Amino acid sequence: MEELRRRNEELERELIKSLQREERMKMELQTLCERVRVAEEAEERLCSQLGDLEAETVDHAQEYRANLVALMEQLEAAHKFIESASFDP
């Protein structure tokens, strides 16, 4: 009978340890879930910011190209003017 009582006490201690481990694991899981949520929100913000930057970059590239074309046209007009002025007596 004493053996059964000791065994029962041992099983109860193991059960308490197991329940404590389970509680710690639940808390760790909650912490990890919160960290994942925060990371996902940060990822969404970064993706949004990246999209905005990409759109801004495209706008800048288009403006740069338009300015470059305008300067090339001005340069061509200046060359024509110089050529016409140098051939006129």
Protein backbone atom coordinates (compact mmCIF):
# COMPACT_ATOMS: atom_id res chain seq x y z
CA MET A 1 0.00 0.00 0.00
CA GLU A 2 2.87 2.34 0.88
CA GLU A 3 4.40 1.62 -2.50
CA LEU A 4 1.19 2.65 -4.26
CA ARG A 5 0.97 5.84 -2.23
CA ARG A 6 4.57 6.78 -3.13
CA ARG A 7 3.94 5.95 -6.73
CA ASN A 8 0.79 8.07 -6.67
CA GLU A 9 2.70 11.00 -5.14
CA GLU A 10 5.39 10.62 -7.75
CA LEU A 11 2.79 10.62 -10.52
CA GLU A 12 1.16 13.69 -9.00
CA ARG A 13 4.52 15.53 -8.95
CA GLU A 14 5.13 14.55 -12.55
CA LEU A 15 1.64 15.74 -13.45
CA ILE A 16 2.28 19.10 -11.76
CA LYS A 17 5.59 19.46 -13.61
CA SER A 18 3.89 18.52 -16.85
CA LEU A 19 1.14 21.08 -16.28
CA GLN A 20 3.72 23.74 -15.46
CA ARG A 21 5.67 22.87 -18.63
CA GLU A 22 2.45 23.04 -20.62
CA GLU A 23 1.67 26.47 -19.18
CA ARG A 24 5.17 27.73 -20.00
CA MET A 25 4.82 26.40 -23.53
CA LYS A 26 1.45 28.12 -23.91
CA MET A 27 3.00 31.40 -22.80
CA GLU A 28 5.92 30.93 -25.20
CA LEU A 29 3.49 30.15 -28.00
CA GLN A 30 1.51 33.31 -27.23
CA THR A 31 4.73 35.32 -27.25
CA LEU A 32 5.79 33.80 -30.56
CA CYS A 33 2.35 34.43 -32.07
CA GLU A 34 2.57 38.08 -31.02
CA ARG A 35 6.05 38.37 -32.52
CA VAL A 36 4.82 36.81 -35.78
CA ARG A 37 1.89 39.23 -35.86
CA VAL A 38 4.22 42.20 -35.33
CA ALA A 39 6.59 40.89 -38.01
CA GLU A 40 3.71 40.43 -40.48
CA GLU A 41 2.49 43.98 -39.85
CA ALA A 42 6.02 45.30 -40.34
CA GLU A 43 6.30 43.31 -43.57
CA GLU A 44 3.04 44.78 -44.82
CA ARG A 45 4.24 48.32 -44.02
CA LEU A 46 7.57 47.70 -45.72
CA CYS A 47 5.88 46.28 -48.82
CA SER A 48 3.61 49.30 -48.97
CA GLN A 49 6.56 51.67 -48.59
CA LEU A 50 8.48 49.74 -51.24
CA GLY A 51 5.54 50.05 -53.63
CA ASP A 52 5.41 53.79 -52.99
CA LEU A 53 9.15 54.10 -53.60
CA GLU A 54 8.92 52.09 -56.80
CA ALA A 55 6.13 54.32 -58.10
CA GLU A 56 8.14 57.42 -57.15
CA THR A 57 11.20 56.00 -58.89
CA VAL A 58 9.22 55.41 -62.08
CA ASP A 59 7.91 58.98 -61.93
CA HIS A 60 11.44 60.34 -61.48
CA ALA A 61 12.75 58.21 -64.34
CA GLN A 62 9.99 59.48 -66.62
CA GLU A 63 10.71 63.08 -65.63
CA TYR A 64 14.44 62.56 -66.16
CA ARG A 65 13.81 61.05 -69.60
CA ALA A 66 11.50 63.90 -70.56
CA ASN A 67 14.13 66.44 -69.45
CA LEU A 68 16.82 64.56 -71.35
CA VAL A 69 14.72 64.52 -74.53
CA ALA A 70 14.01 68.25 -74.15
CA LEU A 71 17.74 68.99 -73.69
CA MET A 72 18.60 66.86 -76.72
CA GLU A 73 16.05 68.77 -78.78
CA GLN A 74 17.49 72.07 -77.58
CA LEU A 75 21.00 70.87 -78.41
CA GLU A 76 19.89 69.76 -81.87
CA ALA A 77 18.21 73.11 -82.46
CA ALA A 78 21.36 74.91 -81.31
CA HIS A 79 23.49 72.82 -83.68
CA LYS A 80 21.16 73.63 -86.56
CA PHE A 81 21.25 77.29 -85.68
CA ILE A 82 25.06 77.28 -85.53
CA GLU A 83 25.27 75.39 -88.83
CA SER A 84 22.87 77.76 -90.51
CA ALA A 85 24.67 80.80 -89.12
CA SER A 86 28.07 79.55 -90.24
CA PHE A 87 26.89 78.90 -93.81
CA ASP A 88 25.17 82.29 -94.19
CA PRO A 89 27.49 84.89 -95.76
